[in-house]
């Protein structure tokens, strides 16, 4: 994405967040880890298909989602293991699904 963010550990201003929202289809997520910020779009089916192959570790799932959904922010989140692992524990919050039901007819 072309949107530039503030240099303070990746934290975007309200104006920058509005611009990011207009650039992505779907939801925008702000991630925060130990004072560092990043912005991700919601993973689509293609990304989720890659990330949820049976046997895929949490680390690999997190890498796939970050590589495909990262928009902008402080790269420390992706580079430092402690920040990355913290995000891995929250990665499922990026997946939003509506409730559905099935009715036998």
C-alpha atoms as a PDB file:
ATOM      1  CA  UNK A   1       0.000   0.000   0.000  1.00  0.00           C
ATOM      2  CA  UNK A   2       1.125   3.542  -0.645  1.00  0.00           C
ATOM      3  CA  UNK A   3      -0.213   5.008   2.607  1.00  0.00           C
ATOM      4  CA  UNK A   4       2.624   6.303   4.776  1.00  0.00           C
ATOM      5  CA  UNK A   5       2.271   6.215   8.531  1.00  0.00           C
ATOM      6  CA  UNK A   6       3.742   8.161  11.403  1.00  0.00           C
ATOM      7  CA  UNK A   7       7.252   7.153  12.414  1.00  0.00           C
ATOM      8  CA  UNK A   8       6.290   6.523  16.050  1.00  0.00           C
ATOM      9  CA  UNK A   9       6.370   2.727  16.087  1.00  0.00           C
ATOM     10  CA  UNK A  10       3.906   2.521  13.215  1.00  0.00           C
ATOM     11  CA  UNK A  11       0.907   4.222  14.856  1.00  0.00           C
ATOM     12  CA  UNK A  12      -1.402   5.733  12.234  1.00  0.00           C
ATOM     13  CA  UNK A  13      -3.391   8.930  12.661  1.00  0.00           C
ATOM     14  CA  UNK A  14      -7.184   8.948  12.291  1.00  0.00           C
ATOM     15  CA  UNK A  15      -6.770  10.451   8.805  1.00  0.00           C
ATOM     16  CA  UNK A  16      -4.357   7.702   7.792  1.00  0.00           C
ATOM     17  CA  UNK A  17      -6.716   5.044   9.146  1.00  0.00           C
ATOM     18  CA  UNK A  18      -9.580   6.480   7.074  1.00  0.00           C
ATOM     19  CA  UNK A  19      -7.364   6.351   3.995  1.00  0.00           C
ATOM     20  CA  UNK A  20      -6.348   2.756   4.699  1.00  0.00           C
ATOM     21  CA  UNK A  21      -9.996   1.752   5.121  1.00  0.00           C
ATOM     22  CA  UNK A  22     -10.803   3.252   1.742  1.00  0.00           C
ATOM     23  CA  UNK A  23      -7.944   1.297   0.118  1.00  0.00           C
ATOM     24  CA  UNK A  24      -8.987  -2.158   1.318  1.00  0.00           C
ATOM     25  CA  UNK A  25     -12.032  -4.268   0.759  1.00  0.00           C
ATOM     26  CA  UNK A  26     -13.406  -5.585   4.011  1.00  0.00           C
ATOM     27  CA  UNK A  27     -12.254  -4.884   7.523  1.00  0.00           C
ATOM     28  CA  UNK A  28      -9.111  -3.106   8.693  1.00  0.00           C
ATOM     29  CA  UNK A  29      -7.344  -4.309  11.823  1.00  0.00           C
ATOM     30  CA  UNK A  30      -4.833  -2.503  14.001  1.00  0.00           C
ATOM     31  CA  UNK A  31      -2.385  -4.784  15.737  1.00  0.00           C
ATOM     32  CA  UNK A  32      -0.459  -3.660  18.762  1.00  0.00           C
ATOM     33  CA  UNK A  33       2.487  -5.440  20.337  1.00  0.00           C
ATOM     34  CA  UNK A  34       4.632  -3.887  23.075  1.00  0.00           C
ATOM     35  CA  UNK A  35       4.213  -0.349  21.754  1.00  0.00           C
ATOM     36  CA  UNK A  36       4.521  -1.251  18.054  1.00  0.00           C
ATOM     37  CA  UNK A  37       1.625  -0.963  15.621  1.00  0.00           C
ATOM     38  CA  UNK A  38       0.706  -2.543  12.330  1.00  0.00           C
ATOM     39  CA  UNK A  39      -2.333  -2.599  10.064  1.00  0.00           C
ATOM     40  CA  UNK A  40      -3.777  -5.644   8.355  1.00  0.00           C
ATOM     41  CA  UNK A  41      -6.721  -6.351   6.116  1.00  0.00           C
ATOM     42  CA  UNK A  42      -8.997  -9.295   6.772  1.00  0.00           C
ATOM     43  CA  UNK A  43      -7.703 -12.524   5.177  1.00  0.00           C
ATOM     44  CA  UNK A  44      -9.729 -13.695   2.202  1.00  0.00           C
ATOM     45  CA  UNK A  45     -10.571 -17.320   1.381  1.00  0.00           C
ATOM     46  CA  UNK A  46      -7.437 -17.794  -0.680  1.00  0.00           C
ATOM     47  CA  UNK A  47      -5.193 -16.691   2.194  1.00  0.00           C
ATOM     48  CA  UNK A  48      -7.140 -18.774   4.703  1.00  0.00           C
ATOM     49  CA  UNK A  49      -6.890 -21.789   2.430  1.00  0.00           C
ATOM     50  CA  UNK A  50      -3.085 -21.474   2.435  1.00  0.00           C
ATOM     51  CA  UNK A  51      -2.918 -20.774   6.167  1.00  0.00           C
ATOM     52  CA  UNK A  52      -5.119 -23.633   7.322  1.00  0.00           C
ATOM     53  CA  UNK A  53      -3.698 -26.595   5.441  1.00  0.00           C
ATOM     54  CA  UNK A  54      -3.721 -29.548   7.857  1.00  0.00           C
ATOM     55  CA  UNK A  55      -0.432 -29.748   9.706  1.00  0.00           C
ATOM     56  CA  UNK A  56       0.329 -26.031   9.348  1.00  0.00           C
ATOM     57  CA  UNK A  57       1.934 -24.727  12.526  1.00  0.00           C
ATOM     58  CA  UNK A  58       0.741 -21.581  14.279  1.00  0.00           C
ATOM     59  CA  UNK A  59       4.006 -19.908  13.313  1.00  0.00           C
ATOM     60  CA  UNK A  60       3.530 -20.715   9.615  1.00  0.00           C
ATOM     61  CA  UNK A  61      -0.149 -19.690   9.737  1.00  0.00           C
ATOM     62  CA  UNK A  62       0.841 -16.345  11.247  1.00  0.00           C
ATOM     63  CA  UNK A  63       3.568 -15.847   8.614  1.00  0.00           C
ATOM     64  CA  UNK A  64       1.150 -16.559   5.766  1.00  0.00           C
ATOM     65  CA  UNK A  65      -1.468 -14.151   7.092  1.00  0.00           C
ATOM     66  CA  UNK A  66       1.085 -11.400   7.771  1.00  0.00           C
ATOM     67  CA  UNK A  67       2.692 -11.783   4.338  1.00  0.00           C
ATOM     68  CA  UNK A  68      -0.650 -11.569   2.565  1.00  0.00           C
ATOM     69  CA  UNK A  69      -2.602  -9.121   4.730  1.00  0.00           C
ATOM     70  CA  UNK A  70       0.028  -6.630   5.975  1.00  0.00           C
ATOM     71  CA  UNK A  71      -0.735  -3.107   4.824  1.00  0.00           C
ATOM     72  CA  UNK A  72       1.602  -0.855   6.785  1.00  0.00           C
ATOM     73  CA  UNK A  73       3.131  -0.332  10.191  1.00  0.00           C
ATOM     74  CA  UNK A  74       6.338  -0.953  12.073  1.00  0.00           C
ATOM     75  CA  UNK A  75       8.228  -3.849  10.528  1.00  0.00           C
ATOM     76  CA  UNK A  76       9.543  -4.793  13.992  1.00  0.00           C
ATOM     77  CA  UNK A  77       6.300  -6.729  14.468  1.00  0.00           C
ATOM     78  CA  UNK A  78       7.257  -9.060  11.648  1.00  0.00           C
ATOM     79  CA  UNK A  79      10.975  -9.173  12.397  1.00  0.00           C
ATOM     80  CA  UNK A  80      11.205  -9.586  16.177  1.00  0.00           C
ATOM     81  CA  UNK A  81      10.284 -13.050  17.372  1.00  0.00           C
ATOM     82  CA  UNK A  82       8.746 -11.903  20.671  1.00  0.00           C
ATOM     83  CA  UNK A  83       6.381  -9.490  18.902  1.00  0.00           C
ATOM     84  CA  UNK A  84       5.601 -12.027  16.176  1.00  0.00           C
ATOM     85  CA  UNK A  85       4.761 -14.760  18.703  1.00  0.00           C
ATOM     86  CA  UNK A  86       2.454 -12.397  20.580  1.00  0.00           C
ATOM     87  CA  UNK A  87       0.595 -11.683  17.370  1.00  0.00           C
ATOM     88  CA  UNK A  88       0.317 -15.397  16.633  1.00  0.00           C
ATOM     89  CA  UNK A  89      -1.741 -15.802  19.785  1.00  0.00           C
ATOM     90  CA  UNK A  90      -4.241 -13.228  18.448  1.00  0.00           C
ATOM     91  CA  UNK A  91      -4.234 -14.059  14.717  1.00  0.00           C
ATOM     92  CA  UNK A  92      -7.619 -15.814  14.766  1.00  0.00           C
ATOM     93  CA  UNK A  93      -9.265 -12.511  15.720  1.00  0.00           C
ATOM     94  CA  UNK A  94      -8.648 -11.371  12.120  1.00  0.00           C
ATOM     95  CA  UNK A  95     -11.086 -13.986  10.886  1.00  0.00           C
ATOM     96  CA  UNK A  96     -14.640 -12.791  11.135  1.00  0.00           C
ATOM     97  CA  UNK A  97     -17.521 -14.990  10.133  1.00  0.00           C
ATOM     98  CA  UNK A  98     -21.260 -14.474  10.208  1.00  0.00           C
ATOM     99  CA  UNK A  99     -23.437 -16.988  11.947  1.00  0.00           C
ATOM    100  CA  UNK A 100     -25.054 -19.449   9.561  1.00  0.00           C
ATOM    101  CA  UNK A 101     -27.560 -22.245   9.901  1.00  0.00           C
ATOM    102  CA  UNK A 102     -28.576 -25.329   7.966  1.00  0.00           C
ATOM    103  CA  UNK A 103     -32.119 -26.596   7.695  1.00  0.00           C
ATOM    104  CA  UNK A 104     -33.061 -29.947   6.274  1.00  0.00           C
ATOM    105  CA  UNK A 105     -36.006 -29.601   3.897  1.00  0.00           C
END
